[in-house]
Amino acid sequence: MSKRLLDIVLSIIGLVLASPVLLPVMFLVWFQDRHSPFYVAPRVGRDGVPFRMFKLRSMIMNADRKGASSTKNDDNRITPVGHFIRRCKLDELTQLWNVIIGDMSLVGPRPQVQSGVDLYTTSERGLLRVRPGITDFASIVFADEGTILAGHADPDAGYNMLIRPGKSALGLFYIEHRSVALDLRLIQLTLQTIVSRQSALSRVQALLQQLGADPILVELAGRAKPLQPGLPPVADGGVAAAAAAAAAAIQSRP
């Protein structure tokens, strides 16, 4: 089965299975402020082409005009229903529609806003070679992104220093090793995260090791050490330089 056919089949099944949960939550989002339950988020897709990503709205209206593009768990723009949506990752489920229409894939590097892509190094621009995805290695490793950024006065700066180095390195590694078999494994591990994140992280580490990942990326995937500010992958350095740049993010605090 091709990657595209897998995307379409699993996305349709996913939307059907999720509808008993999504429909009531969509009503609650509308009921709290009488505005659309959807947030249409501009994102950058494959080859730098912009597209509109559909998300179940978890924040107040026009939140993107009232704060940073990165969101921390204690962000006051998140609505009461939105906290539930984010905790259960329900806003990701509506992106299955983007997969069906071809803007996204089930598995691939997460799509970024234009301002984030504008900061990409030459190596990071390699992330635009494929359709962005709902999940990948980095989505599992950094599933607690909102918690990481909580308390940061500037969540965008926190994202670029703490999350972006490892996230980009993992995204580039996925692109170099992508296959339908790897996609199925990452989808399985994403679902496993719901039951036991620690178990999922251990299995991600084992998978990276099996695929010959740099030990730095393998260690990062375990998230056993506190994240420290690091640098994004350097220009023209490829995955090896990306992994080296991520090293600063996994050093133990003094």
Foldseek 3Di string as FASTA:
>chain_A
DAQLVVLQVVLVVLCVVCVVPVVVLQVVCCVVPVDGQWDFDWWAWAPRRIDTAIFRDQFDPPVPVVADPDAALPDPRGDPSSNVCLVVVVRLSSRSVVSNVPQAGQEAQATDHPVVVVPDAQQLVVSNNHTHHSYYLLCLLVVNLNHQQPPPPHSVVSCQFFRQLLSSLRRLVCVVVPDPVRSVVRVVLVVVCVVPSQVSLQVSLVVCVVVPHDVLSSQSSNVPAAFDTFHHQHHPPGSVSSSVRRNNGRDHDD
